[in-house]
């Protein structure tokens, strides 16, 4: 089985070299799908480092699987039964947001078809219709890096609850800082916004950072 694991990781690394954000499907080889093809779908994921992601699935699930982590638990059980999960590239996208949309839509499609998908995000566990980039919850976007946000055209807004003033902030300004934030959440949680007064009404503690998806 070790040889099969190495071959699966090598194939994922080769697929990663073609570039882009990859949306992928994990299949359980112990069962056929509804069309009789090898592998029952149980997880839809997305990553720009597909080779590393597949390696982590196969090498860390045994150690890191927890009660609430249905993905690692399923992979661990498959490995315990002497099989290796099948990983299939579904689609490539140029940006992270578009890849999130693809991941969600593939997961929802699997749910509609009757597959028990192990994705943890609520929107991906609903067997509803397809969504667009505007339907992606803002909570998912805070983990984006500045570069990823810029690639998708995500705007950073500084708003005041007291007077309603809204200022758009160019992400390039944050990237030029000596200690540039690692992700959008770091910008959101910066205490500076609450410490300094609003440039319009002068009130302190009333400003917050929000995001805008074009």
N, C-alpha and C. Protein backbone atom coordinates (compact mmCIF):
# COMPACT_ATOMS: atom_id res chain seq x y z
N UNK A 1 0.82 -1.21 0.00
CA UNK A 1 0.00 0.00 0.00
C UNK A 1 0.86 1.26 0.00
N UNK A 2 2.05 1.17 0.59
CA UNK A 2 2.94 2.33 0.62
C UNK A 2 3.28 2.80 -0.78
N UNK A 3 3.49 1.86 -1.70
CA UNK A 3 3.79 2.23 -3.08
C UNK A 3 2.61 2.97 -3.71
N UNK A 4 1.40 2.53 -3.40
CA UNK A 4 0.20 3.19 -3.94
C UNK A 4 0.06 4.60 -3.39
N UNK A 5 0.41 4.80 -2.13
CA UNK A 5 0.36 6.13 -1.52
C UNK A 5 1.37 7.04 -2.20
N UNK A 6 2.58 6.55 -2.41
CA UNK A 6 3.61 7.37 -3.07
C UNK A 6 3.20 7.73 -4.48
N UNK A 7 2.61 6.79 -5.19
CA UNK A 7 2.18 7.05 -6.58
C UNK A 7 1.06 8.10 -6.61
N UNK A 8 0.15 8.03 -5.64
CA UNK A 8 -0.94 9.00 -5.58
C UNK A 8 -0.41 10.41 -5.32
N UNK A 9 0.55 10.51 -4.40
CA UNK A 9 1.16 11.80 -4.10
C UNK A 9 1.93 12.33 -5.30
N UNK A 10 2.66 11.47 -5.98
CA UNK A 10 3.43 11.88 -7.16
C UNK A 10 2.51 12.39 -8.27
N UNK A 11 1.38 11.72 -8.46
CA UNK A 11 0.43 12.16 -9.49
C UNK A 11 -0.15 13.52 -9.14
N UNK A 12 -0.41 13.76 -7.85
CA UNK A 12 -0.95 15.06 -7.41
C UNK A 12 0.08 16.16 -7.61
N UNK A 13 1.33 15.87 -7.33
CA UNK A 13 2.39 16.86 -7.54
C UNK A 13 2.55 17.20 -9.01
N UNK A 14 2.41 16.21 -9.84
CA UNK A 14 2.50 16.45 -11.29
C UNK A 14 1.34 17.32 -11.76
N UNK A 15 0.15 17.08 -11.23
CA UNK A 15 -1.02 17.88 -11.60
C UNK A 15 -0.85 19.32 -11.12
N UNK A 16 -0.24 19.50 -9.95
CA UNK A 16 -0.03 20.84 -9.40
C UNK A 16 0.88 21.67 -10.30
N UNK A 17 1.85 21.03 -10.94
CA UNK A 17 2.81 21.76 -11.76
C UNK A 17 2.15 22.44 -12.97
N UNK A 18 0.95 22.01 -13.32
CA UNK A 18 0.24 22.66 -14.43
C UNK A 18 -0.33 24.01 -14.02
N UNK A 19 -0.32 24.31 -12.72
CA UNK A 19 -0.71 25.63 -12.24
C UNK A 19 -2.18 25.79 -11.95
N UNK A 20 -2.51 26.94 -11.33
CA UNK A 20 -3.88 27.27 -11.02
C UNK A 20 -4.37 26.69 -9.70
N UNK A 21 -5.54 27.16 -9.28
CA UNK A 21 -6.22 26.61 -8.11
C UNK A 21 -7.01 25.40 -8.55
N UNK A 22 -6.77 24.29 -7.91
CA UNK A 22 -7.39 23.02 -8.31
C UNK A 22 -8.55 22.66 -7.39
N UNK A 23 -9.69 22.37 -7.98
CA UNK A 23 -10.81 21.78 -7.27
C UNK A 23 -10.74 20.28 -7.49
N UNK A 24 -10.77 19.52 -6.39
CA UNK A 24 -10.57 18.07 -6.53
C UNK A 24 -11.63 17.29 -5.76
N UNK A 25 -11.77 16.05 -6.16
CA UNK A 25 -12.73 15.13 -5.54
C UNK A 25 -11.98 13.96 -4.93
N UNK A 26 -12.33 13.60 -3.70
CA UNK A 26 -11.77 12.41 -3.05
C UNK A 26 -12.82 11.30 -3.10
N UNK A 27 -12.38 10.13 -3.51
CA UNK A 27 -13.28 8.99 -3.65
C UNK A 27 -12.85 7.82 -2.76
N UNK A 28 -13.81 7.10 -2.27
CA UNK A 28 -13.58 5.90 -1.48
C UNK A 28 -13.54 4.70 -2.42
N UNK A 29 -12.37 4.07 -2.60
CA UNK A 29 -12.24 2.98 -3.58
C UNK A 29 -12.96 1.69 -3.17
N UNK A 30 -13.48 1.65 -1.96
CA UNK A 30 -14.16 0.43 -1.50
C UNK A 30 -15.56 0.30 -2.08
N UNK A 31 -16.07 1.40 -2.71
CA UNK A 31 -17.42 1.39 -3.27
C UNK A 31 -17.40 2.03 -4.64
N UNK A 32 -18.32 1.61 -5.49
CA UNK A 32 -18.49 2.28 -6.78
C UNK A 32 -19.48 3.43 -6.60
N UNK A 33 -19.43 4.40 -7.51
CA UNK A 33 -20.38 5.51 -7.40
C UNK A 33 -21.71 5.13 -8.02
N UNK A 34 -22.62 6.08 -8.10
CA UNK A 34 -23.98 5.79 -8.57
C UNK A 34 -24.03 5.38 -10.04
N UNK A 35 -22.96 5.68 -10.78
CA UNK A 35 -22.89 5.29 -12.19
C UNK A 35 -22.08 4.02 -12.40
N UNK A 36 -21.62 3.44 -11.29
CA UNK A 36 -20.84 2.21 -11.39
C UNK A 36 -19.35 2.43 -11.57
N UNK A 37 -18.90 3.70 -11.49
CA UNK A 37 -17.48 4.00 -11.63
C UNK A 37 -16.76 3.75 -10.31
N UNK A 38 -15.47 3.40 -10.36
CA UNK A 38 -14.71 3.14 -9.13
C UNK A 38 -14.64 4.37 -8.22
N UNK A 39 -14.95 4.19 -6.95
CA UNK A 39 -14.77 5.26 -5.99
C UNK A 39 -16.02 6.04 -5.66
N UNK A 40 -16.46 5.95 -4.41
CA UNK A 40 -17.63 6.69 -3.93
C UNK A 40 -17.18 8.08 -3.49
N UNK A 41 -17.70 9.16 -4.07
CA UNK A 41 -17.30 10.52 -3.69
C UNK A 41 -17.62 10.81 -2.22
N UNK A 42 -16.65 11.36 -1.48
CA UNK A 42 -16.93 11.70 -0.09
C UNK A 42 -16.38 13.07 0.33
N UNK A 43 -15.63 13.74 -0.54
CA UNK A 43 -15.10 15.05 -0.17
C UNK A 43 -14.72 15.83 -1.42
N UNK A 44 -15.02 17.14 -1.41
CA UNK A 44 -14.59 18.05 -2.46
C UNK A 44 -13.72 19.12 -1.82
N UNK A 45 -12.53 19.33 -2.38
CA UNK A 45 -11.61 20.32 -1.82
C UNK A 45 -11.05 21.23 -2.89
N UNK A 46 -10.27 22.21 -2.46
CA UNK A 46 -9.61 23.12 -3.41
C UNK A 46 -8.29 23.57 -2.82
N UNK A 47 -7.28 23.68 -3.66
CA UNK A 47 -5.96 24.07 -3.19
C UNK A 47 -5.10 24.53 -4.35
N UNK A 48 -4.20 25.46 -4.06
CA UNK A 48 -3.19 25.86 -5.04
C UNK A 48 -1.97 24.98 -4.92
N UNK A 49 -1.84 24.30 -3.76
CA UNK A 49 -0.73 23.37 -3.52
C UNK A 49 -1.32 21.96 -3.45
N UNK A 50 -1.82 21.51 -4.57
CA UNK A 50 -2.56 20.25 -4.62
C UNK A 50 -1.71 19.06 -4.18
N UNK A 51 -0.46 19.02 -4.61
CA UNK A 51 0.41 17.91 -4.22
C UNK A 51 0.59 17.85 -2.71
N UNK A 52 0.84 19.01 -2.11
CA UNK A 52 1.01 19.07 -0.66
C UNK A 52 -0.28 18.71 0.05
N UNK A 53 -1.42 19.15 -0.47
CA UNK A 53 -2.70 18.87 0.16
C UNK A 53 -2.99 17.36 0.15
N UNK A 54 -2.76 16.70 -0.99
CA UNK A 54 -3.00 15.25 -1.06
C UNK A 54 -2.05 14.52 -0.12
N UNK A 55 -0.80 14.95 -0.08
CA UNK A 55 0.17 14.33 0.83
C UNK A 55 -0.30 14.46 2.27
N UNK A 56 -0.78 15.65 2.65
CA UNK A 56 -1.27 15.83 4.02
C UNK A 56 -2.46 14.94 4.32
N UNK A 57 -3.36 14.81 3.35
CA UNK A 57 -4.51 13.92 3.54
C UNK A 57 -4.04 12.50 3.87
N UNK A 58 -3.05 12.03 3.14
CA UNK A 58 -2.63 10.64 3.27
C UNK A 58 -1.66 10.40 4.42
N UNK A 59 -0.87 11.42 4.76
CA UNK A 59 0.18 11.22 5.77
C UNK A 59 -0.21 11.69 7.17
N UNK A 60 -1.22 12.54 7.29
CA UNK A 60 -1.54 13.08 8.62
C UNK A 60 -2.90 12.66 9.15
N UNK A 61 -3.74 12.06 8.32
CA UNK A 61 -5.09 11.71 8.77
C UNK A 61 -5.07 10.72 9.94
N UNK A 62 -4.11 9.81 9.92
CA UNK A 62 -3.99 8.82 10.99
C UNK A 62 -3.75 9.50 12.34
N UNK A 63 -2.89 10.50 12.34
CA UNK A 63 -2.49 11.16 13.58
C UNK A 63 -3.44 12.27 14.00
N UNK A 64 -4.00 13.00 13.04
CA UNK A 64 -4.74 14.21 13.35
C UNK A 64 -6.26 14.05 13.34
N UNK A 65 -6.76 12.89 12.94
CA UNK A 65 -8.21 12.69 12.88
C UNK A 65 -8.84 12.88 14.25
N UNK A 66 -9.92 13.67 14.30
CA UNK A 66 -10.63 13.93 15.54
C UNK A 66 -12.11 13.62 15.34
N UNK A 67 -12.85 13.65 16.42
CA UNK A 67 -14.26 13.27 16.36
C UNK A 67 -15.04 14.12 15.37
N UNK A 68 -14.73 15.44 15.30
CA UNK A 68 -15.50 16.34 14.45
C UNK A 68 -14.96 16.40 13.03
N UNK A 69 -13.80 15.78 12.79
CA UNK A 69 -13.14 15.89 11.49
C UNK A 69 -13.51 14.69 10.63
N UNK A 70 -14.63 14.77 9.96
CA UNK A 70 -15.13 13.62 9.21
C UNK A 70 -14.26 13.27 8.02
N UNK A 71 -13.54 14.26 7.45
CA UNK A 71 -12.69 13.98 6.29
C UNK A 71 -11.52 13.09 6.69
N UNK A 72 -10.78 13.51 7.70
CA UNK A 72 -9.63 12.70 8.15
C UNK A 72 -10.08 11.34 8.69
N UNK A 73 -11.23 11.31 9.36
CA UNK A 73 -11.73 10.04 9.88
C UNK A 73 -12.01 9.06 8.75
N UNK A 74 -12.59 9.55 7.67
CA UNK A 74 -12.90 8.66 6.55
C UNK A 74 -11.63 8.18 5.87
N UNK A 75 -10.68 9.09 5.69
CA UNK A 75 -9.42 8.69 5.05
C UNK A 75 -8.69 7.68 5.93
N UNK A 76 -8.68 7.92 7.22
CA UNK A 76 -8.03 6.98 8.14
C UNK A 76 -8.65 5.59 8.04
N UNK A 77 -9.97 5.52 7.97
CA UNK A 77 -10.64 4.22 7.89
C UNK A 77 -10.34 3.52 6.57
N UNK A 78 -10.30 4.29 5.48
CA UNK A 78 -9.96 3.71 4.17
C UNK A 78 -8.56 3.10 4.21
N UNK A 79 -7.61 3.85 4.79
CA UNK A 79 -6.23 3.35 4.89
C UNK A 79 -6.15 2.13 5.80
N UNK A 80 -6.91 2.14 6.88
CA UNK A 80 -6.92 0.99 7.79
C UNK A 80 -7.44 -0.27 7.11
N UNK A 81 -8.33 -0.08 6.15
CA UNK A 81 -8.88 -1.22 5.43
C UNK A 81 -7.99 -1.67 4.28
N UNK A 82 -6.81 -1.04 4.17
CA UNK A 82 -5.84 -1.46 3.15
C UNK A 82 -6.03 -0.85 1.78
N UNK A 83 -6.73 0.29 1.71
CA UNK A 83 -6.96 0.96 0.44
C UNK A 83 -6.42 2.38 0.49
N UNK A 84 -6.26 2.99 -0.69
CA UNK A 84 -5.81 4.37 -0.80
C UNK A 84 -6.91 5.18 -1.48
N UNK A 85 -7.33 6.30 -0.89
CA UNK A 85 -8.36 7.12 -1.54
C UNK A 85 -7.94 7.54 -2.94
N UNK A 86 -8.92 7.70 -3.80
CA UNK A 86 -8.69 8.18 -5.16
C UNK A 86 -8.90 9.70 -5.18
N UNK A 87 -7.92 10.43 -5.71
CA UNK A 87 -8.05 11.88 -5.82
C UNK A 87 -8.14 12.27 -7.29
N UNK A 88 -9.18 13.01 -7.61
CA UNK A 88 -9.48 13.36 -9.00
C UNK A 88 -9.57 14.87 -9.17
N UNK A 89 -8.81 15.40 -10.14
CA UNK A 89 -8.88 16.83 -10.44
C UNK A 89 -10.17 17.11 -11.21
N UNK A 90 -10.98 18.01 -10.67
CA UNK A 90 -12.25 18.35 -11.29
C UNK A 90 -12.15 19.59 -12.18
N UNK A 91 -11.42 20.59 -11.70
CA UNK A 91 -11.40 21.86 -12.42
C UNK A 91 -10.23 22.71 -11.94
N UNK A 92 -9.78 23.61 -12.80
CA UNK A 92 -8.74 24.59 -12.45
C UNK A 92 -9.31 25.99 -12.62
N UNK A 93 -8.95 26.86 -11.68
CA UNK A 93 -9.37 28.26 -11.74
C UNK A 93 -8.15 29.15 -11.50
N UNK A 94 -8.16 30.36 -12.05
CA UNK A 94 -6.99 31.24 -11.89
C UNK A 94 -6.89 31.92 -10.53
N UNK A 95 -8.00 32.02 -9.77
CA UNK A 95 -7.98 32.72 -8.49
C UNK A 95 -8.64 31.89 -7.40
N UNK A 96 -8.37 32.30 -6.17
CA UNK A 96 -8.88 31.56 -5.01
C UNK A 96 -10.40 31.66 -4.88
N UNK A 97 -10.95 32.84 -5.11
CA UNK A 97 -12.40 33.01 -4.98
C UNK A 97 -13.15 32.16 -6.00
N UNK A 98 -12.70 32.18 -7.24
CA UNK A 98 -13.34 31.36 -8.27
C UNK A 98 -13.23 29.88 -7.93
N UNK A 99 -12.10 29.49 -7.31
CA UNK A 99 -11.93 28.10 -6.91
C UNK A 99 -12.88 27.74 -5.77
N UNK A 100 -13.11 28.68 -4.84
CA UNK A 100 -14.07 28.43 -3.76
C UNK A 100 -15.48 28.23 -4.30
N UNK A 101 -15.83 29.02 -5.32
CA UNK A 101 -17.14 28.86 -5.96
C UNK A 101 -17.24 27.47 -6.59
N UNK A 102 -16.19 27.06 -7.29
CA UNK A 102 -16.19 25.74 -7.93
C UNK A 102 -16.30 24.64 -6.89
N UNK A 103 -15.51 24.74 -5.83
CA UNK A 103 -15.55 23.73 -4.77
C UNK A 103 -16.95 23.60 -4.20
N UNK A 104 -17.56 24.74 -3.91
CA UNK A 104 -18.90 24.73 -3.31
C UNK A 104 -19.93 24.14 -4.25
N UNK A 105 -19.86 24.53 -5.51
CA UNK A 105 -20.85 24.03 -6.47
C UNK A 105 -20.70 22.53 -6.73
N UNK A 106 -19.46 22.04 -6.79
CA UNK A 106 -19.26 20.60 -6.96
C UNK A 106 -19.76 19.84 -5.73
N UNK A 107 -19.49 20.39 -4.53
CA UNK A 107 -19.95 19.73 -3.31
C UNK A 107 -21.48 19.69 -3.25
N UNK A 108 -22.12 20.81 -3.62
CA UNK A 108 -23.59 20.86 -3.60
C UNK A 108 -24.17 19.91 -4.65
N UNK A 109 -23.50 19.80 -5.80
CA UNK A 109 -23.97 18.89 -6.83
C UNK A 109 -23.89 17.44 -6.35
N UNK A 110 -22.80 17.12 -5.64
CA UNK A 110 -22.67 15.77 -5.09
C UNK A 110 -23.76 15.49 -4.08
N UNK A 111 -24.09 16.48 -3.27
CA UNK A 111 -25.17 16.33 -2.29
C UNK A 111 -26.51 16.09 -2.99
N UNK A 112 -26.74 16.84 -4.06
CA UNK A 112 -28.00 16.68 -4.79
C UNK A 112 -28.13 15.27 -5.38
N UNK A 113 -27.00 14.69 -5.74
CA UNK A 113 -27.02 13.36 -6.35
C UNK A 113 -27.08 12.23 -5.32
N UNK A 114 -27.01 12.59 -4.04
CA UNK A 114 -27.16 11.59 -3.00
C UNK A 114 -25.89 11.10 -2.36
N UNK A 115 -24.75 11.76 -2.63
CA UNK A 115 -23.50 11.37 -2.00
C UNK A 115 -23.36 12.03 -0.64
N UNK A 116 -22.80 11.31 0.30
CA UNK A 116 -22.61 11.82 1.65
C UNK A 116 -21.27 12.54 1.71
N UNK A 117 -21.26 13.82 1.37
CA UNK A 117 -20.04 14.60 1.29
C UNK A 117 -19.62 15.07 2.69
N UNK A 118 -18.30 15.01 2.96
CA UNK A 118 -17.79 15.29 4.30
C UNK A 118 -17.28 16.71 4.49
N UNK A 119 -17.57 17.61 3.56
CA UNK A 119 -17.13 19.00 3.71
C UNK A 119 -17.74 19.62 4.97
N UNK A 120 -16.95 20.46 5.64
CA UNK A 120 -17.39 21.01 6.91
C UNK A 120 -18.13 22.34 6.77
N UNK A 121 -17.94 23.04 5.65
CA UNK A 121 -18.63 24.32 5.47
C UNK A 121 -20.11 24.07 5.22
N UNK A 122 -20.94 24.81 5.93
CA UNK A 122 -22.38 24.58 5.87
C UNK A 122 -22.92 24.73 4.45
N UNK A 123 -22.49 25.77 3.75
CA UNK A 123 -23.00 26.02 2.40
C UNK A 123 -22.69 24.86 1.46
N UNK A 124 -21.59 24.17 1.72
CA UNK A 124 -21.20 23.04 0.88
C UNK A 124 -21.92 21.76 1.27
N UNK A 125 -22.53 21.77 2.40
CA UNK A 125 -23.27 20.59 2.85
C UNK A 125 -24.75 20.67 2.54
N UNK A 126 -25.15 21.72 1.83
CA UNK A 126 -26.55 21.87 1.44
C UNK A 126 -26.73 21.46 -0.02
N UNK A 127 -27.74 20.69 -0.27
CA UNK A 127 -27.98 20.21 -1.64
C UNK A 127 -28.80 21.22 -2.42
N UNK A 128 -28.30 22.43 -2.48
CA UNK A 128 -29.03 23.50 -3.15
C UNK A 128 -28.51 23.77 -4.55
N UNK A 129 -29.03 24.81 -5.19
CA UNK A 129 -28.59 25.16 -6.55
C UNK A 129 -27.19 25.75 -6.55
N UNK A 130 -26.64 25.94 -7.72
CA UNK A 130 -25.31 26.50 -7.85
C UNK A 130 -25.28 27.94 -7.35
N UNK A 131 -24.11 28.39 -6.92
CA UNK A 131 -23.95 29.74 -6.40
C UNK A 131 -22.96 30.52 -7.28
N UNK A 132 -22.87 31.81 -7.05
CA UNK A 132 -21.91 32.66 -7.74
C UNK A 132 -20.92 33.22 -6.72
N UNK A 133 -19.95 33.99 -7.18
CA UNK A 133 -18.95 34.57 -6.28
C UNK A 133 -19.58 35.49 -5.24
N UNK A 134 -20.73 36.05 -5.55
CA UNK A 134 -21.39 36.95 -4.62
C UNK A 134 -22.10 36.20 -3.49
N UNK A 135 -22.23 34.90 -3.61
CA UNK A 135 -22.88 34.10 -2.58
C UNK A 135 -21.89 33.52 -1.57
N UNK A 136 -20.59 33.69 -1.83
CA UNK A 136 -19.58 33.18 -0.91
C UNK A 136 -19.61 34.02 0.37
N UNK A 137 -19.77 33.40 1.54
CA UNK A 137 -19.84 34.16 2.80
C UNK A 137 -18.55 34.95 3.04
N UNK A 138 -18.69 36.15 3.57
CA UNK A 138 -17.52 36.98 3.85
C UNK A 138 -16.57 36.29 4.81
N UNK A 139 -17.11 35.49 5.72
CA UNK A 139 -16.26 34.78 6.68
C UNK A 139 -15.20 33.92 5.98
N UNK A 140 -15.50 33.45 4.79
CA UNK A 140 -14.53 32.62 4.07
C UNK A 140 -13.41 33.46 3.46
N UNK A 141 -13.65 34.75 3.29
CA UNK A 141 -12.71 35.61 2.58
C UNK A 141 -11.62 36.19 3.47
N UNK A 142 -11.86 36.24 4.78
CA UNK A 142 -10.88 36.85 5.67
C UNK A 142 -9.54 36.11 5.67
N UNK A 143 -9.54 34.84 5.30
CA UNK A 143 -8.29 34.07 5.29
C UNK A 143 -7.47 34.32 4.02
N UNK A 144 -7.99 35.10 3.09
CA UNK A 144 -7.26 35.41 1.86
C UNK A 144 -6.04 36.28 2.17
N UNK A 145 -4.94 36.05 1.46
CA UNK A 145 -3.80 36.95 1.53
C UNK A 145 -4.11 38.21 0.73
N UNK A 146 -3.27 39.23 0.88
CA UNK A 146 -3.47 40.45 0.11
C UNK A 146 -3.41 40.17 -1.38
N UNK A 147 -2.44 39.34 -1.78
CA UNK A 147 -2.28 39.03 -3.20
C UNK A 147 -3.51 38.31 -3.74
N UNK A 148 -4.05 37.39 -2.96
CA UNK A 148 -5.24 36.66 -3.39
C UNK A 148 -6.45 37.58 -3.49
N UNK A 149 -6.58 38.49 -2.54
CA UNK A 149 -7.68 39.45 -2.58
C UNK A 149 -7.57 40.35 -3.80
N UNK A 150 -6.37 40.80 -4.10
CA UNK A 150 -6.16 41.67 -5.25
C UNK A 150 -6.45 40.94 -6.55
N UNK A 151 -6.06 39.67 -6.62
CA UNK A 151 -6.30 38.88 -7.83
C UNK A 151 -7.79 38.75 -8.13
N UNK A 152 -8.61 38.71 -7.08
CA UNK A 152 -10.05 38.58 -7.26
C UNK A 152 -10.76 39.93 -7.23
N UNK A 153 -10.01 41.01 -7.07
CA UNK A 153 -10.62 42.33 -7.05
C UNK A 153 -11.44 42.61 -5.81
N UNK A 154 -11.16 41.91 -4.70
CA UNK A 154 -11.91 42.11 -3.46
C UNK A 154 -11.52 43.45 -2.86
N UNK A 155 -12.52 44.29 -2.59
CA UNK A 155 -12.27 45.61 -2.03
C UNK A 155 -12.26 45.60 -0.52
N UNK A 156 -11.44 46.47 0.07
CA UNK A 156 -11.36 46.62 1.53
C UNK A 156 -12.01 47.95 1.90
N UNK A 157 -13.05 47.88 2.71
CA UNK A 157 -13.79 49.09 3.09
C UNK A 157 -13.63 49.38 4.57
N UNK A 158 -13.44 50.65 4.89
CA UNK A 158 -13.40 51.10 6.27
C UNK A 158 -14.67 51.92 6.51
N UNK A 159 -15.54 51.42 7.36
CA UNK A 159 -16.85 52.05 7.57
C UNK A 159 -17.00 52.53 9.01
N UNK A 160 -17.84 53.54 9.20
CA UNK A 160 -18.13 54.09 10.52
C UNK A 160 -19.61 53.87 10.83
N UNK A 161 -19.87 53.25 11.98
CA UNK A 161 -21.26 52.99 12.36
C UNK A 161 -21.95 54.24 12.87
N UNK A 162 -21.17 55.25 13.23
CA UNK A 162 -21.75 56.47 13.78
C UNK A 162 -22.30 57.41 12.70
N UNK A 163 -21.50 57.64 11.67
CA UNK A 163 -21.91 58.61 10.65
C UNK A 163 -22.18 57.98 9.29
N UNK A 164 -21.81 56.69 9.14
CA UNK A 164 -22.05 56.01 7.88
C UNK A 164 -20.99 56.23 6.83
N UNK A 165 -19.92 56.91 7.15
CA UNK A 165 -18.85 57.13 6.18
C UNK A 165 -18.21 55.81 5.77
N UNK A 166 -17.94 55.65 4.49
CA UNK A 166 -17.29 54.46 3.97
C UNK A 166 -16.10 54.89 3.11
N UNK A 167 -14.94 54.37 3.44
CA UNK A 167 -13.72 54.66 2.69
C UNK A 167 -13.18 53.37 2.09
N UNK A 168 -12.86 53.39 0.80
CA UNK A 168 -12.22 52.25 0.16
C UNK A 168 -10.71 52.38 0.34
N UNK A 169 -10.08 51.30 0.76
CA UNK A 169 -8.64 51.29 1.00
C UNK A 169 -7.97 50.37 -0.01
N UNK A 170 -6.99 50.88 -0.72
CA UNK A 170 -6.26 50.10 -1.71
C UNK A 170 -5.39 49.07 -1.01
N UNK A 171 -5.54 47.81 -1.38
CA UNK A 171 -4.75 46.74 -0.76
C UNK A 171 -3.26 46.94 -0.93
N UNK A 172 -2.87 47.65 -1.99
CA UNK A 172 -1.45 47.89 -2.23
C UNK A 172 -0.83 48.65 -1.07
N UNK A 173 -1.60 49.51 -0.42
CA UNK A 173 -1.08 50.30 0.71
C UNK A 173 -0.64 49.40 1.86
N UNK A 174 -1.38 48.32 2.09
CA UNK A 174 -1.01 47.39 3.16
C UNK A 174 0.22 46.58 2.77
N UNK A 175 0.30 46.22 1.51
CA UNK A 175 1.43 45.42 1.05
C UNK A 175 2.74 46.20 1.14
N UNK A 176 2.67 47.52 1.09
CA UNK A 176 3.86 48.36 1.14
C UNK A 176 4.35 48.62 2.55
N UNK A 177 3.61 48.18 3.56
CA UNK A 177 4.02 48.37 4.95
C UNK A 177 5.24 47.51 5.29
N UNK A 178 6.05 47.96 6.23
CA UNK A 178 7.22 47.18 6.64
C UNK A 178 6.79 45.83 7.20
N UNK A 179 5.73 45.84 7.98
CA UNK A 179 5.17 44.59 8.52
C UNK A 179 3.82 44.37 7.86
N UNK A 180 3.84 43.93 6.63
CA UNK A 180 2.61 43.74 5.86
C UNK A 180 1.76 42.63 6.49
N UNK A 181 0.45 42.81 6.57
CA UNK A 181 -0.43 41.77 7.14
C UNK A 181 -0.39 40.50 6.30
N UNK A 182 -0.50 39.36 6.98
CA UNK A 182 -0.44 38.08 6.29
C UNK A 182 -1.75 37.76 5.56
N UNK A 183 -2.86 38.25 6.11
CA UNK A 183 -4.15 37.98 5.49
C UNK A 183 -5.13 39.10 5.81
N UNK A 184 -6.31 39.03 5.25
CA UNK A 184 -7.31 40.07 5.45
C UNK A 184 -7.81 40.12 6.89
N UNK A 185 -7.81 38.98 7.56
CA UNK A 185 -8.28 38.95 8.95
C UNK A 185 -7.38 39.80 9.84
N UNK A 186 -6.10 39.81 9.54
CA UNK A 186 -5.16 40.63 10.33
C UNK A 186 -5.48 42.11 10.16
N UNK A 187 -5.90 42.50 8.98
CA UNK A 187 -6.32 43.88 8.75
C UNK A 187 -7.59 44.18 9.53
N UNK A 188 -8.53 43.26 9.47
CA UNK A 188 -9.81 43.44 10.17
C UNK A 188 -9.62 43.62 11.67
N UNK A 189 -8.70 42.85 12.26
CA UNK A 189 -8.52 42.84 13.71
C UNK A 189 -7.52 43.87 14.22
N UNK A 190 -7.01 44.71 13.35
CA UNK A 190 -6.04 45.73 13.76
C UNK A 190 -6.73 46.72 14.72
N UNK A 191 -6.23 46.86 15.96
CA UNK A 191 -6.86 47.77 16.93
C UNK A 191 -6.78 49.23 16.53
N UNK A 192 -6.00 49.54 15.51
CA UNK A 192 -5.87 50.92 15.06
C UNK A 192 -7.21 51.52 14.67
N UNK A 193 -8.07 50.70 14.04
CA UNK A 193 -9.35 51.22 13.55
C UNK A 193 -10.22 51.73 14.70
N UNK A 194 -10.17 51.09 15.84
CA UNK A 194 -10.98 51.51 16.98
C UNK A 194 -10.30 52.61 17.79
N UNK A 195 -8.98 52.67 17.70
CA UNK A 195 -8.24 53.65 18.49
C UNK A 195 -8.29 55.05 17.89
N UNK A 196 -8.24 55.12 16.56
CA UNK A 196 -8.21 56.43 15.91
C UNK A 196 -9.63 56.92 15.61
N UNK A 197 -9.84 58.24 15.65
CA UNK A 197 -11.18 58.78 15.39
C UNK A 197 -11.57 58.68 13.92
N UNK A 198 -12.86 58.62 13.66
CA UNK A 198 -13.36 58.63 12.28
C UNK A 198 -12.95 59.94 11.62
N UNK A 199 -12.50 59.88 10.40
CA UNK A 199 -12.05 61.08 9.70
C UNK A 199 -13.20 62.01 9.34
N UNK A 200 -14.43 61.51 9.45
CA UNK A 200 -15.59 62.33 9.11
C UNK A 200 -16.26 62.94 10.34
N UNK A 201 -16.63 62.09 11.32
CA UNK A 201 -17.37 62.58 12.48
C UNK A 201 -16.52 62.72 13.73
N UNK A 202 -15.32 62.16 13.71
CA UNK A 202 -14.42 62.29 14.84
C UNK A 202 -14.66 61.31 15.97
N UNK A 203 -15.63 60.45 15.84
CA UNK A 203 -15.94 59.50 16.91
C UNK A 203 -14.91 58.36 16.92
N UNK A 204 -14.54 57.92 18.13
CA UNK A 204 -13.62 56.79 18.27
C UNK A 204 -14.40 55.50 18.56
N UNK A 205 -13.82 54.40 18.17
CA UNK A 205 -14.40 53.09 18.45
C UNK A 205 -15.59 52.73 17.61
N UNK A 206 -15.85 53.45 16.53
CA UNK A 206 -17.04 53.19 15.72
C UNK A 206 -16.72 52.64 14.33
N UNK A 207 -15.44 52.48 14.03
CA UNK A 207 -15.08 52.06 12.67
C UNK A 207 -14.78 50.56 12.62
N UNK A 208 -15.05 49.96 11.47
CA UNK A 208 -14.78 48.53 11.26
C UNK A 208 -14.42 48.30 9.81
N UNK A 209 -13.76 47.19 9.55
CA UNK A 209 -13.33 46.82 8.21
C UNK A 209 -14.30 45.82 7.61
N UNK A 210 -14.69 46.04 6.38
CA UNK A 210 -15.59 45.14 5.66
C UNK A 210 -14.99 44.86 4.28
N UNK A 211 -15.54 43.87 3.61
CA UNK A 211 -15.05 43.50 2.28
C UNK A 211 -16.14 43.66 1.23
N UNK A 212 -15.72 43.91 0.02
CA UNK A 212 -16.65 44.09 -1.10
C UNK A 212 -16.21 43.21 -2.26
N UNK A 213 -17.12 42.33 -2.71
CA UNK A 213 -16.83 41.45 -3.83
C UNK A 213 -17.43 42.03 -5.10
N UNK A 214 -16.61 42.32 -6.11
CA UNK A 214 -17.13 42.94 -7.34
C UNK A 214 -17.96 41.98 -8.18
